Amino acid sequence: MTDTTESRSDSTRARLLEAAVAAFAEKGFNGTTTRDIAGAAGMSPAAVYVHHKSKEELLYLISRSGHDETLDLILKAAASSDDPAIALRTVVHDFAVHHARGHTGARIVNYELNSLSPEHRTEIRGIRHRIDQTMRDLVERGIQAGVFDTPDARIAATALLSLGIDIARWYRDEGDWSPEDIATAYAEMALRIVGAT
């Protein structure tokens, strides 16, 4: 295969993924057909199967990419400062901005998990566990340092992640708040959730 053919094939796969995001966002995974995806990409329905095994594979690729990106963001933000309060503020801020700016994809990544195959769902749950654990470790680091005062690091970490994840459900570009407005407010709320001193 030539570089031009590979590049065209990669471009086609990317168009199909973008079309799948748009279709899943509009109709949900179960309400979307491969014909919907192909039509949104300006292709024939057969094109989907030339480049992807199934509609579920498209969902998996979207989910895997979204979760990998989120894990990378959380790990970098958590390691951004030795001060747990500053690191937590950065994590929550960046997580909120990420979910607001990418709200359409984030909605699919977070709310279509049960449509994944058991094998893919297990893999994604593993990534989600690492995200959860990173947040919990950061909250525990703050408790041990005496800068956070919360009785249950696990519940606090779950609440903090839920704030960001839920943005994808309600955020709209034409709304009253920018991603930065939300992120700044959520970062301050996060310190209250963990009882920052």
N, C-alpha and C. Protein backbone atom coordinates (compact mmCIF):
# COMPACT_ATOMS: atom_id res chain seq x y z
N MET A 1 0.85 -1.19 0.00
CA MET A 1 0.00 0.00 0.00
C MET A 1 0.89 1.25 0.00
N THR A 2 0.59 2.21 -0.85
CA THR A 2 1.40 3.42 -0.92
C THR A 2 1.03 4.37 0.21
N ASP A 3 1.93 5.34 0.44
CA ASP A 3 1.67 6.33 1.49
C ASP A 3 0.39 7.10 1.21
N THR A 4 0.13 7.41 -0.06
CA THR A 4 -1.07 8.15 -0.44
C THR A 4 -2.33 7.33 -0.14
N THR A 5 -2.28 6.03 -0.45
CA THR A 5 -3.42 5.15 -0.18
C THR A 5 -3.66 5.03 1.31
N GLU A 6 -2.57 4.87 2.09
CA GLU A 6 -2.70 4.78 3.54
C GLU A 6 -3.26 6.07 4.11
N SER A 7 -2.78 7.21 3.59
CA SER A 7 -3.25 8.50 4.08
C SER A 7 -4.73 8.67 3.77
N ARG A 8 -5.15 8.25 2.58
CA ARG A 8 -6.56 8.36 2.20
C ARG A 8 -7.41 7.44 3.08
N SER A 9 -6.88 6.24 3.37
CA SER A 9 -7.59 5.29 4.22
C SER A 9 -7.73 5.83 5.65
N ASP A 10 -6.63 6.42 6.16
CA ASP A 10 -6.68 7.02 7.50
C ASP A 10 -7.69 8.17 7.54
N SER A 11 -7.70 8.96 6.49
CA SER A 11 -8.63 10.08 6.40
C SER A 11 -10.09 9.59 6.38
N THR A 12 -10.32 8.51 5.65
CA THR A 12 -11.67 7.93 5.58
C THR A 12 -12.10 7.41 6.94
N ARG A 13 -11.20 6.70 7.63
CA ARG A 13 -11.52 6.19 8.97
C ARG A 13 -11.84 7.34 9.92
N ALA A 14 -11.06 8.42 9.83
CA ALA A 14 -11.29 9.59 10.70
C ALA A 14 -12.65 10.22 10.39
N ARG A 15 -13.02 10.32 9.11
CA ARG A 15 -14.33 10.87 8.74
C ARG A 15 -15.45 10.01 9.29
N LEU A 16 -15.27 8.69 9.22
CA LEU A 16 -16.29 7.79 9.75
C LEU A 16 -16.42 7.92 11.27
N LEU A 17 -15.30 8.10 11.96
CA LEU A 17 -15.35 8.29 13.41
C LEU A 17 -16.07 9.59 13.76
N GLU A 18 -15.76 10.67 13.04
CA GLU A 18 -16.45 11.95 13.28
C GLU A 18 -17.94 11.81 13.01
N ALA A 19 -18.28 11.12 11.94
CA ALA A 19 -19.69 10.92 11.60
C ALA A 19 -20.38 10.07 12.67
N ALA A 20 -19.66 9.08 13.20
CA ALA A 20 -20.24 8.23 14.26
C ALA A 20 -20.50 9.05 15.52
N VAL A 21 -19.57 9.94 15.88
CA VAL A 21 -19.78 10.81 17.04
C VAL A 21 -21.05 11.63 16.85
N ALA A 22 -21.19 12.25 15.68
CA ALA A 22 -22.37 13.08 15.41
C ALA A 22 -23.66 12.24 15.45
N ALA A 23 -23.62 11.07 14.84
CA ALA A 23 -24.82 10.22 14.79
C ALA A 23 -25.18 9.68 16.17
N PHE A 24 -24.18 9.19 16.92
CA PHE A 24 -24.45 8.67 18.26
C PHE A 24 -24.97 9.77 19.17
N ALA A 25 -24.43 10.99 19.01
CA ALA A 25 -24.88 12.12 19.84
C ALA A 25 -26.34 12.46 19.54
N GLU A 26 -26.71 12.36 18.28
CA GLU A 26 -28.07 12.72 17.89
C GLU A 26 -29.09 11.64 18.23
N LYS A 27 -28.75 10.37 17.97
CA LYS A 27 -29.73 9.29 18.08
C LYS A 27 -29.41 8.25 19.15
N GLY A 28 -28.24 8.37 19.78
CA GLY A 28 -27.80 7.32 20.70
C GLY A 28 -27.24 6.15 19.91
N PHE A 29 -26.46 5.33 20.58
CA PHE A 29 -25.83 4.19 19.89
C PHE A 29 -26.89 3.26 19.29
N ASN A 30 -27.87 2.87 20.11
CA ASN A 30 -28.86 1.90 19.66
C ASN A 30 -29.78 2.45 18.57
N GLY A 31 -29.98 3.75 18.54
CA GLY A 31 -30.84 4.35 17.52
C GLY A 31 -30.13 4.69 16.22
N THR A 32 -28.81 4.49 16.21
CA THR A 32 -28.01 4.83 15.03
C THR A 32 -27.76 3.59 14.20
N THR A 33 -27.90 3.73 12.88
CA THR A 33 -27.57 2.63 11.96
C THR A 33 -26.25 2.94 11.27
N THR A 34 -25.64 1.91 10.70
CA THR A 34 -24.42 2.14 9.92
C THR A 34 -24.74 3.03 8.71
N ARG A 35 -25.96 2.95 8.22
CA ARG A 35 -26.39 3.83 7.11
C ARG A 35 -26.36 5.30 7.56
N ASP A 36 -26.78 5.57 8.81
CA ASP A 36 -26.73 6.94 9.35
C ASP A 36 -25.29 7.45 9.37
N ILE A 37 -24.39 6.60 9.85
CA ILE A 37 -22.97 6.98 9.96
C ILE A 37 -22.38 7.23 8.59
N ALA A 38 -22.62 6.30 7.67
CA ALA A 38 -22.09 6.45 6.32
C ALA A 38 -22.65 7.71 5.65
N GLY A 39 -23.95 7.93 5.82
CA GLY A 39 -24.57 9.11 5.23
C GLY A 39 -23.97 10.40 5.77
N ALA A 40 -23.73 10.45 7.08
CA ALA A 40 -23.14 11.64 7.69
C ALA A 40 -21.71 11.87 7.19
N ALA A 41 -21.04 10.79 6.80
CA ALA A 41 -19.67 10.89 6.29
C ALA A 41 -19.64 11.09 4.78
N GLY A 42 -20.84 11.07 4.16
CA GLY A 42 -20.92 11.23 2.71
C GLY A 42 -20.43 10.00 1.95
N MET A 43 -20.68 8.82 2.53
CA MET A 43 -20.21 7.57 1.92
C MET A 43 -21.35 6.58 1.81
N SER A 44 -21.07 5.48 1.13
CA SER A 44 -22.05 4.41 1.04
C SER A 44 -21.99 3.58 2.32
N PRO A 45 -23.09 2.90 2.70
CA PRO A 45 -23.07 2.07 3.90
C PRO A 45 -21.96 1.01 3.88
N ALA A 46 -21.61 0.52 2.72
CA ALA A 46 -20.56 -0.50 2.62
C ALA A 46 -19.21 0.04 3.09
N ALA A 47 -19.01 1.36 2.97
CA ALA A 47 -17.73 1.96 3.35
C ALA A 47 -17.43 1.75 4.83
N VAL A 48 -18.47 1.72 5.64
CA VAL A 48 -18.25 1.51 7.08
C VAL A 48 -17.53 0.19 7.31
N TYR A 49 -17.99 -0.87 6.63
CA TYR A 49 -17.43 -2.20 6.85
C TYR A 49 -16.09 -2.42 6.17
N VAL A 50 -15.76 -1.57 5.22
CA VAL A 50 -14.43 -1.64 4.60
C VAL A 50 -13.39 -1.19 5.62
N HIS A 51 -13.75 -0.22 6.45
CA HIS A 51 -12.79 0.38 7.38
C HIS A 51 -12.98 -0.01 8.84
N HIS A 52 -14.15 -0.51 9.19
CA HIS A 52 -14.42 -0.90 10.57
C HIS A 52 -15.24 -2.18 10.59
N LYS A 53 -14.99 -3.03 11.60
CA LYS A 53 -15.69 -4.31 11.69
C LYS A 53 -17.18 -4.15 11.95
N SER A 54 -17.52 -3.13 12.75
CA SER A 54 -18.92 -2.99 13.17
C SER A 54 -19.16 -1.59 13.73
N LYS A 55 -20.41 -1.30 13.96
CA LYS A 55 -20.81 -0.06 14.63
C LYS A 55 -20.22 -0.05 16.04
N GLU A 56 -20.21 -1.19 16.70
CA GLU A 56 -19.66 -1.27 18.06
C GLU A 56 -18.18 -0.95 18.06
N GLU A 57 -17.45 -1.35 17.02
CA GLU A 57 -16.02 -1.03 16.95
C GLU A 57 -15.82 0.48 16.88
N LEU A 58 -16.68 1.16 16.14
CA LEU A 58 -16.59 2.62 16.10
C LEU A 58 -16.80 3.21 17.49
N LEU A 59 -17.80 2.72 18.21
CA LEU A 59 -18.04 3.19 19.57
C LEU A 59 -16.83 2.91 20.45
N TYR A 60 -16.26 1.74 20.33
CA TYR A 60 -15.08 1.38 21.12
C TYR A 60 -13.93 2.34 20.83
N LEU A 61 -13.66 2.61 19.56
CA LEU A 61 -12.55 3.50 19.20
C LEU A 61 -12.78 4.91 19.75
N ILE A 62 -14.00 5.39 19.69
CA ILE A 62 -14.34 6.69 20.25
C ILE A 62 -14.13 6.67 21.77
N SER A 63 -14.62 5.62 22.41
CA SER A 63 -14.53 5.49 23.86
C SER A 63 -13.08 5.34 24.31
N ARG A 64 -12.33 4.51 23.62
CA ARG A 64 -10.92 4.28 23.99
C ARG A 64 -10.11 5.57 23.87
N SER A 65 -10.30 6.26 22.76
CA SER A 65 -9.58 7.51 22.55
C SER A 65 -9.94 8.54 23.63
N GLY A 66 -11.23 8.68 23.90
CA GLY A 66 -11.68 9.63 24.92
C GLY A 66 -11.16 9.31 26.30
N HIS A 67 -11.16 8.03 26.66
CA HIS A 67 -10.68 7.64 27.99
C HIS A 67 -9.16 7.77 28.09
N ASP A 68 -8.44 7.42 27.03
CA ASP A 68 -6.97 7.59 27.05
C ASP A 68 -6.60 9.06 27.21
N GLU A 69 -7.30 9.92 26.49
CA GLU A 69 -7.05 11.36 26.58
C GLU A 69 -7.34 11.87 27.99
N THR A 70 -8.43 11.41 28.58
CA THR A 70 -8.80 11.84 29.93
C THR A 70 -7.79 11.35 30.96
N LEU A 71 -7.37 10.09 30.84
CA LEU A 71 -6.38 9.56 31.78
C LEU A 71 -5.09 10.36 31.70
N ASP A 72 -4.64 10.66 30.49
CA ASP A 72 -3.41 11.43 30.31
C ASP A 72 -3.55 12.82 30.95
N LEU A 73 -4.69 13.46 30.74
CA LEU A 73 -4.95 14.77 31.30
C LEU A 73 -4.92 14.73 32.83
N ILE A 74 -5.58 13.74 33.42
CA ILE A 74 -5.65 13.61 34.88
C ILE A 74 -4.26 13.33 35.47
N LEU A 75 -3.52 12.43 34.85
CA LEU A 75 -2.18 12.09 35.35
C LEU A 75 -1.26 13.31 35.33
N LYS A 76 -1.29 14.06 34.24
CA LYS A 76 -0.43 15.25 34.13
C LYS A 76 -0.84 16.30 35.14
N ALA A 77 -2.14 16.55 35.27
CA ALA A 77 -2.61 17.58 36.20
C ALA A 77 -2.31 17.19 37.64
N ALA A 78 -2.49 15.92 37.99
CA ALA A 78 -2.24 15.46 39.37
C ALA A 78 -0.75 15.59 39.73
N ALA A 79 0.11 15.45 38.72
CA ALA A 79 1.55 15.55 38.96
C ALA A 79 2.08 16.97 38.79
N SER A 80 1.19 17.93 38.53
CA SER A 80 1.62 19.29 38.20
C SER A 80 2.17 20.08 39.38
N SER A 81 1.88 19.64 40.61
CA SER A 81 2.35 20.37 41.79
C SER A 81 2.51 19.41 42.96
N ASP A 82 3.48 19.70 43.82
CA ASP A 82 3.63 18.93 45.06
C ASP A 82 2.58 19.32 46.09
N ASP A 83 1.98 20.49 45.90
CA ASP A 83 0.92 20.97 46.79
C ASP A 83 -0.39 20.32 46.35
N PRO A 84 -0.98 19.45 47.19
CA PRO A 84 -2.21 18.75 46.79
C PRO A 84 -3.36 19.68 46.41
N ALA A 85 -3.46 20.83 47.06
CA ALA A 85 -4.55 21.78 46.76
C ALA A 85 -4.37 22.36 45.35
N ILE A 86 -3.15 22.73 45.01
CA ILE A 86 -2.89 23.28 43.68
C ILE A 86 -3.10 22.19 42.62
N ALA A 87 -2.61 20.99 42.91
CA ALA A 87 -2.79 19.88 41.96
C ALA A 87 -4.27 19.56 41.77
N LEU A 88 -5.04 19.55 42.86
CA LEU A 88 -6.47 19.26 42.75
C LEU A 88 -7.19 20.34 41.95
N ARG A 89 -6.85 21.58 42.22
CA ARG A 89 -7.45 22.68 41.46
C ARG A 89 -7.16 22.50 39.97
N THR A 90 -5.95 22.12 39.63
CA THR A 90 -5.57 21.91 38.22
C THR A 90 -6.32 20.74 37.61
N VAL A 91 -6.40 19.63 38.35
CA VAL A 91 -7.12 18.45 37.84
C VAL A 91 -8.57 18.80 37.54
N VAL A 92 -9.26 19.39 38.50
CA VAL A 92 -10.68 19.68 38.33
C VAL A 92 -10.89 20.72 37.24
N HIS A 93 -10.06 21.73 37.21
CA HIS A 93 -10.15 22.76 36.17
C HIS A 93 -9.99 22.13 34.78
N ASP A 94 -8.91 21.39 34.58
CA ASP A 94 -8.63 20.82 33.26
C ASP A 94 -9.67 19.78 32.85
N PHE A 95 -10.13 19.01 33.80
CA PHE A 95 -11.15 17.98 33.56
C PHE A 95 -12.47 18.65 33.12
N ALA A 96 -12.83 19.75 33.78
CA ALA A 96 -14.06 20.47 33.44
C ALA A 96 -13.96 21.10 32.06
N VAL A 97 -12.84 21.76 31.77
CA VAL A 97 -12.66 22.37 30.45
C VAL A 97 -12.74 21.30 29.36
N HIS A 98 -12.08 20.19 29.61
CA HIS A 98 -12.08 19.07 28.65
C HIS A 98 -13.49 18.58 28.36
N HIS A 99 -14.30 18.41 29.40
CA HIS A 99 -15.66 17.91 29.21
C HIS A 99 -16.59 18.96 28.59
N ALA A 100 -16.35 20.24 28.86
CA ALA A 100 -17.19 21.28 28.25
C ALA A 100 -16.84 21.45 26.78
N ARG A 101 -15.57 21.57 26.48
CA ARG A 101 -15.17 21.78 25.07
C ARG A 101 -15.52 20.57 24.20
N GLY A 102 -15.37 19.39 24.75
CA GLY A 102 -15.66 18.18 24.00
C GLY A 102 -16.94 17.51 24.44
N HIS A 103 -17.95 18.31 24.79
CA HIS A 103 -19.16 17.76 25.42
C HIS A 103 -19.88 16.73 24.57
N THR A 104 -19.87 16.87 23.27
CA THR A 104 -20.58 15.89 22.43
C THR A 104 -19.91 14.53 22.52
N GLY A 105 -18.61 14.49 22.31
CA GLY A 105 -17.87 13.23 22.41
C GLY A 105 -17.88 12.68 23.82
N ALA A 106 -17.75 13.57 24.80
CA ALA A 106 -17.73 13.14 26.20
C ALA A 106 -19.04 12.49 26.61
N ARG A 107 -20.15 12.99 26.05
CA ARG A 107 -21.46 12.40 26.35
C ARG A 107 -21.49 10.94 25.87
N ILE A 108 -20.96 10.69 24.70
CA ILE A 108 -20.93 9.33 24.16
C ILE A 108 -19.99 8.46 24.99
N VAL A 109 -18.80 8.98 25.26
CA VAL A 109 -17.79 8.24 26.01
C VAL A 109 -18.31 7.83 27.39
N ASN A 110 -19.04 8.73 28.04
CA ASN A 110 -19.48 8.47 29.42
C ASN A 110 -20.84 7.79 29.54
N TYR A 111 -21.70 7.94 28.54
CA TYR A 111 -23.07 7.44 28.70
C TYR A 111 -23.44 6.29 27.77
N GLU A 112 -22.52 5.82 26.96
CA GLU A 112 -22.81 4.69 26.07
C GLU A 112 -21.98 3.45 26.42
N LEU A 113 -21.44 3.41 27.62
CA LEU A 113 -20.57 2.29 28.03
C LEU A 113 -21.26 0.93 27.92
N ASN A 114 -22.53 0.89 28.25
CA ASN A 114 -23.23 -0.40 28.24
C ASN A 114 -23.47 -0.93 26.84
N SER A 115 -23.22 -0.12 25.81
CA SER A 115 -23.37 -0.58 24.44
C SER A 115 -22.10 -1.23 23.90
N LEU A 116 -21.03 -1.16 24.68
CA LEU A 116 -19.78 -1.82 24.28
C LEU A 116 -19.89 -3.33 24.48
N SER A 117 -19.10 -4.07 23.73
CA SER A 117 -19.04 -5.52 23.93
C SER A 117 -18.45 -5.77 25.32
N PRO A 118 -18.71 -6.95 25.90
CA PRO A 118 -18.14 -7.24 27.24
C PRO A 118 -16.61 -7.06 27.29
N GLU A 119 -15.93 -7.50 26.27
CA GLU A 119 -14.46 -7.37 26.23
C GLU A 119 -14.04 -5.90 26.21
N HIS A 120 -14.67 -5.11 25.37
CA HIS A 120 -14.33 -3.69 25.28
C HIS A 120 -14.75 -2.95 26.55
N ARG A 121 -15.89 -3.31 27.12
CA ARG A 121 -16.36 -2.67 28.35
C ARG A 121 -15.37 -2.92 29.48
N THR A 122 -14.85 -4.14 29.56
CA THR A 122 -13.86 -4.48 30.59
C THR A 122 -12.59 -3.64 30.42
N GLU A 123 -12.16 -3.49 29.18
CA GLU A 123 -10.96 -2.69 28.91
C GLU A 123 -11.17 -1.23 29.30
N ILE A 124 -12.30 -0.67 28.94
CA ILE A 124 -12.59 0.73 29.27
C ILE A 124 -12.76 0.90 30.77
N ARG A 125 -13.37 -0.06 31.42
CA ARG A 125 -13.51 0.03 32.89
C ARG A 125 -12.13 0.04 33.56
N GLY A 126 -11.17 -0.66 32.98
CA GLY A 126 -9.81 -0.64 33.51
C GLY A 126 -9.21 0.76 33.45
N ILE A 127 -9.43 1.46 32.35
CA ILE A 127 -8.93 2.84 32.21
C ILE A 127 -9.66 3.74 33.19
N ARG A 128 -10.97 3.57 33.31
CA ARG A 128 -11.75 4.37 34.25
C ARG A 128 -11.28 4.14 35.69
N HIS A 129 -10.91 2.91 36.00
CA HIS A 129 -10.39 2.61 37.34
C HIS A 129 -9.10 3.40 37.60
N ARG A 130 -8.25 3.49 36.59
CA ARG A 130 -7.00 4.26 36.76
C ARG A 130 -7.30 5.74 36.96
N ILE A 131 -8.29 6.26 36.25
CA ILE A 131 -8.70 7.66 36.43
C ILE A 131 -9.21 7.86 37.86
N ASP A 132 -10.11 6.97 38.29
CA ASP A 132 -10.66 7.05 39.66
C ASP A 132 -9.55 6.97 40.70
N GLN A 133 -8.63 6.02 40.50
CA GLN A 133 -7.55 5.81 41.47
C GLN A 133 -6.63 7.02 41.55
N THR A 134 -6.36 7.64 40.42
CA THR A 134 -5.50 8.84 40.41
C THR A 134 -6.14 9.96 41.21
N MET A 135 -7.44 10.15 41.04
CA MET A 135 -8.15 11.19 41.81
C MET A 135 -8.16 10.83 43.29
N ARG A 136 -8.43 9.58 43.61
CA ARG A 136 -8.47 9.15 45.01
C ARG A 136 -7.09 9.32 45.65
N ASP A 137 -6.04 8.94 44.92
CA ASP A 137 -4.67 9.09 45.45
C ASP A 137 -4.36 10.56 45.75
N LEU A 138 -4.81 11.46 44.88
CA LEU A 138 -4.57 12.88 45.09
C LEU A 138 -5.31 13.38 46.34
N VAL A 139 -6.56 12.95 46.51
CA VAL A 139 -7.31 13.35 47.70
C VAL A 139 -6.64 12.78 48.95
N GLU A 140 -6.21 11.53 48.91
CA GLU A 140 -5.53 10.92 50.06
C GLU A 140 -4.21 11.63 50.36
N ARG A 141 -3.51 12.05 49.32
CA ARG A 141 -2.25 12.79 49.52
C ARG A 141 -2.54 14.08 50.28
N GLY A 142 -3.64 14.76 49.93
CA GLY A 142 -4.01 15.99 50.63
C GLY A 142 -4.41 15.74 52.07
N ILE A 143 -5.09 14.63 52.33
CA ILE A 143 -5.47 14.27 53.70
C ILE A 143 -4.22 14.00 54.52
N GLN A 144 -3.30 13.21 53.98
CA GLN A 144 -2.06 12.87 54.69
C GLN A 144 -1.20 14.10 54.95
N ALA A 145 -1.25 15.07 54.02
CA ALA A 145 -0.47 16.29 54.19
C ALA A 145 -1.14 17.27 55.16
N GLY A 146 -2.38 16.94 55.57
CA GLY A 146 -3.09 17.81 56.50
C GLY A 146 -3.73 19.03 55.85
N VAL A 147 -3.84 19.03 54.50
CA VAL A 147 -4.45 20.18 53.83
C VAL A 147 -5.89 19.91 53.39
N PHE A 148 -6.31 18.64 53.41
CA PHE A 148 -7.71 18.29 53.13
C PHE A 148 -8.29 17.64 54.37
N ASP A 149 -9.54 17.94 54.63
CA ASP A 149 -10.23 17.36 55.78
C ASP A 149 -11.57 16.80 55.30
N THR A 150 -11.51 15.56 54.83
CA THR A 150 -12.72 14.89 54.36
C THR A 150 -12.72 13.48 54.93
N PRO A 151 -13.86 12.98 55.39
CA PRO A 151 -13.88 11.68 56.05
C PRO A 151 -13.70 10.48 55.12
N ASP A 152 -13.96 10.66 53.82
CA ASP A 152 -13.89 9.52 52.91
C ASP A 152 -13.31 9.96 51.57
N ALA A 153 -12.05 9.63 51.34
CA ALA A 153 -11.37 10.04 50.11
C ALA A 153 -12.05 9.47 48.87
N ARG A 154 -12.57 8.26 48.99
CA ARG A 154 -13.19 7.61 47.83
C ARG A 154 -14.47 8.34 47.41
N ILE A 155 -15.31 8.68 48.38
CA ILE A 155 -16.55 9.41 48.06
C ILE A 155 -16.21 10.80 47.51
N ALA A 156 -15.23 11.47 48.12
CA ALA A 156 -14.84 12.79 47.64
C ALA A 156 -14.32 12.71 46.20
N ALA A 157 -13.49 11.73 45.90
CA ALA A 157 -12.96 11.57 44.55
C ALA A 157 -14.07 11.29 43.54
N THR A 158 -15.03 10.46 43.93
CA THR A 158 -16.17 10.16 43.05
C THR A 158 -16.99 11.41 42.79
N ALA A 159 -17.22 12.21 43.81
CA ALA A 159 -17.99 13.45 43.66
C ALA A 159 -17.25 14.41 42.72
N LEU A 160 -15.95 14.52 42.87
CA LEU A 160 -15.16 15.43 42.04
C LEU A 160 -15.20 15.01 40.56
N LEU A 161 -15.04 13.74 40.31
CA LEU A 161 -15.10 13.26 38.92
C LEU A 161 -16.51 13.41 38.35
N SER A 162 -17.51 13.17 39.18
CA SER A 162 -18.90 13.29 38.72
C SER A 162 -19.23 14.71 38.27
N LEU A 163 -18.67 15.70 38.96
CA LEU A 163 -18.88 17.09 38.55
C LEU A 163 -18.50 17.29 37.10
N GLY A 164 -17.29 16.84 36.75
CA GLY A 164 -16.80 17.02 35.39
C GLY A 164 -17.55 16.19 34.37
N ILE A 165 -17.77 14.93 34.69
CA ILE A 165 -18.45 14.03 33.76
C ILE A 165 -19.83 14.56 33.42
N ASP A 166 -20.53 15.07 34.40
CA ASP A 166 -21.91 15.52 34.18
C ASP A 166 -22.00 16.75 33.28
N ILE A 167 -20.91 17.50 33.16
CA ILE A 167 -20.91 18.65 32.25
C ILE A 167 -21.32 18.22 30.85
N ALA A 168 -20.85 17.04 30.43
CA ALA A 168 -21.16 16.56 29.08
C ALA A 168 -22.65 16.37 28.86
N ARG A 169 -23.39 16.12 29.93
CA ARG A 169 -24.83 15.90 29.81
C ARG A 169 -25.58 17.21 29.57
N TRP A 170 -25.16 18.31 30.22
CA TRP A 170 -25.96 19.53 30.17
C TRP A 170 -25.32 20.70 29.42
N TYR A 171 -24.01 20.65 29.19
CA TYR A 171 -23.35 21.81 28.59
C TYR A 171 -23.75 22.00 27.12
N ARG A 172 -23.98 23.25 26.74
CA ARG A 172 -24.25 23.61 25.35
C ARG A 172 -23.42 24.84 25.01
N ASP A 173 -22.87 24.88 23.82
CA ASP A 173 -22.00 25.99 23.41
C ASP A 173 -22.67 27.35 23.51
N GLU A 174 -23.98 27.39 23.31
CA GLU A 174 -24.70 28.67 23.33
C GLU A 174 -25.17 29.06 24.73
N GLY A 175 -24.75 28.31 25.75
CA GLY A 175 -25.17 28.59 27.13
C GLY A 175 -24.54 29.84 27.72
N ASP A 176 -24.88 30.11 28.97
CA ASP A 176 -24.42 31.31 29.66
C ASP A 176 -22.96 31.27 30.09
N TRP A 177 -22.40 30.08 30.25
CA TRP A 177 -21.05 29.96 30.81
C TRP A 177 -20.09 29.38 29.78
N SER A 178 -18.90 29.91 29.76
CA SER A 178 -17.84 29.36 28.91
C SER A 178 -17.21 28.17 29.64
N PRO A 179 -16.47 27.33 28.92
CA PRO A 179 -15.76 26.23 29.60
C PRO A 179 -14.86 26.75 30.73
N GLU A 180 -14.23 27.89 30.50
CA GLU A 180 -13.35 28.46 31.52
C GLU A 180 -14.12 28.93 32.75
N ASP A 181 -15.30 29.51 32.54
CA ASP A 181 -16.15 29.93 33.68
C ASP A 181 -16.48 28.74 34.57
N ILE A 182 -16.90 27.66 33.93
CA ILE A 182 -17.28 26.45 34.67
C ILE A 182 -16.07 25.87 35.38
N ALA A 183 -14.95 25.78 34.66
CA ALA A 183 -13.74 25.18 35.23
C ALA A 183 -13.25 25.94 36.45
N THR A 184 -13.28 27.26 36.37
CA THR A 184 -12.83 28.09 37.49
C THR A 184 -13.73 27.88 38.71
N ALA A 185 -15.04 27.88 38.48
CA ALA A 185 -15.99 27.68 39.59
C ALA A 185 -15.85 26.28 40.18
N TYR A 186 -15.74 25.27 39.32
CA TYR A 186 -15.62 23.89 39.80
C TYR A 186 -14.32 23.67 40.57
N ALA A 187 -13.24 24.31 40.15
CA ALA A 187 -11.96 24.16 40.85
C ALA A 187 -12.07 24.69 42.28
N GLU A 188 -12.79 25.80 42.44
CA GLU A 188 -12.98 26.35 43.78
C GLU A 188 -13.91 25.46 44.60
N MET A 189 -14.98 24.95 43.99
CA MET A 189 -15.89 24.04 44.69
C MET A 189 -15.17 22.77 45.13
N ALA A 190 -14.25 22.31 44.30
CA ALA A 190 -13.52 21.08 44.60
C ALA A 190 -12.78 21.20 45.93
N LEU A 191 -12.20 22.37 46.18
CA LEU A 191 -11.47 22.57 47.44
C LEU A 191 -12.40 22.51 48.63
N ARG A 192 -13.65 22.97 48.44
CA ARG A 192 -14.64 22.86 49.51
C ARG A 192 -15.06 21.42 49.74
N ILE A 193 -15.21 20.68 48.66
CA ILE A 193 -15.62 19.26 48.77
C ILE A 193 -14.62 18.47 49.61
N VAL A 194 -13.33 18.77 49.42
CA VAL A 194 -12.32 18.02 50.18
C VAL A 194 -11.97 18.69 51.51
N GLY A 195 -12.66 19.79 51.83
CA GLY A 195 -12.40 20.47 53.10
C GLY A 195 -10.99 21.04 53.15
N ALA A 196 -10.57 21.69 52.05
CA ALA A 196 -9.22 22.25 52.03
C ALA A 196 -9.09 23.30 53.13
N THR A 197 -7.96 23.26 53.81
CA THR A 197 -7.73 24.17 54.95
C THR A 197 -7.05 25.44 54.47
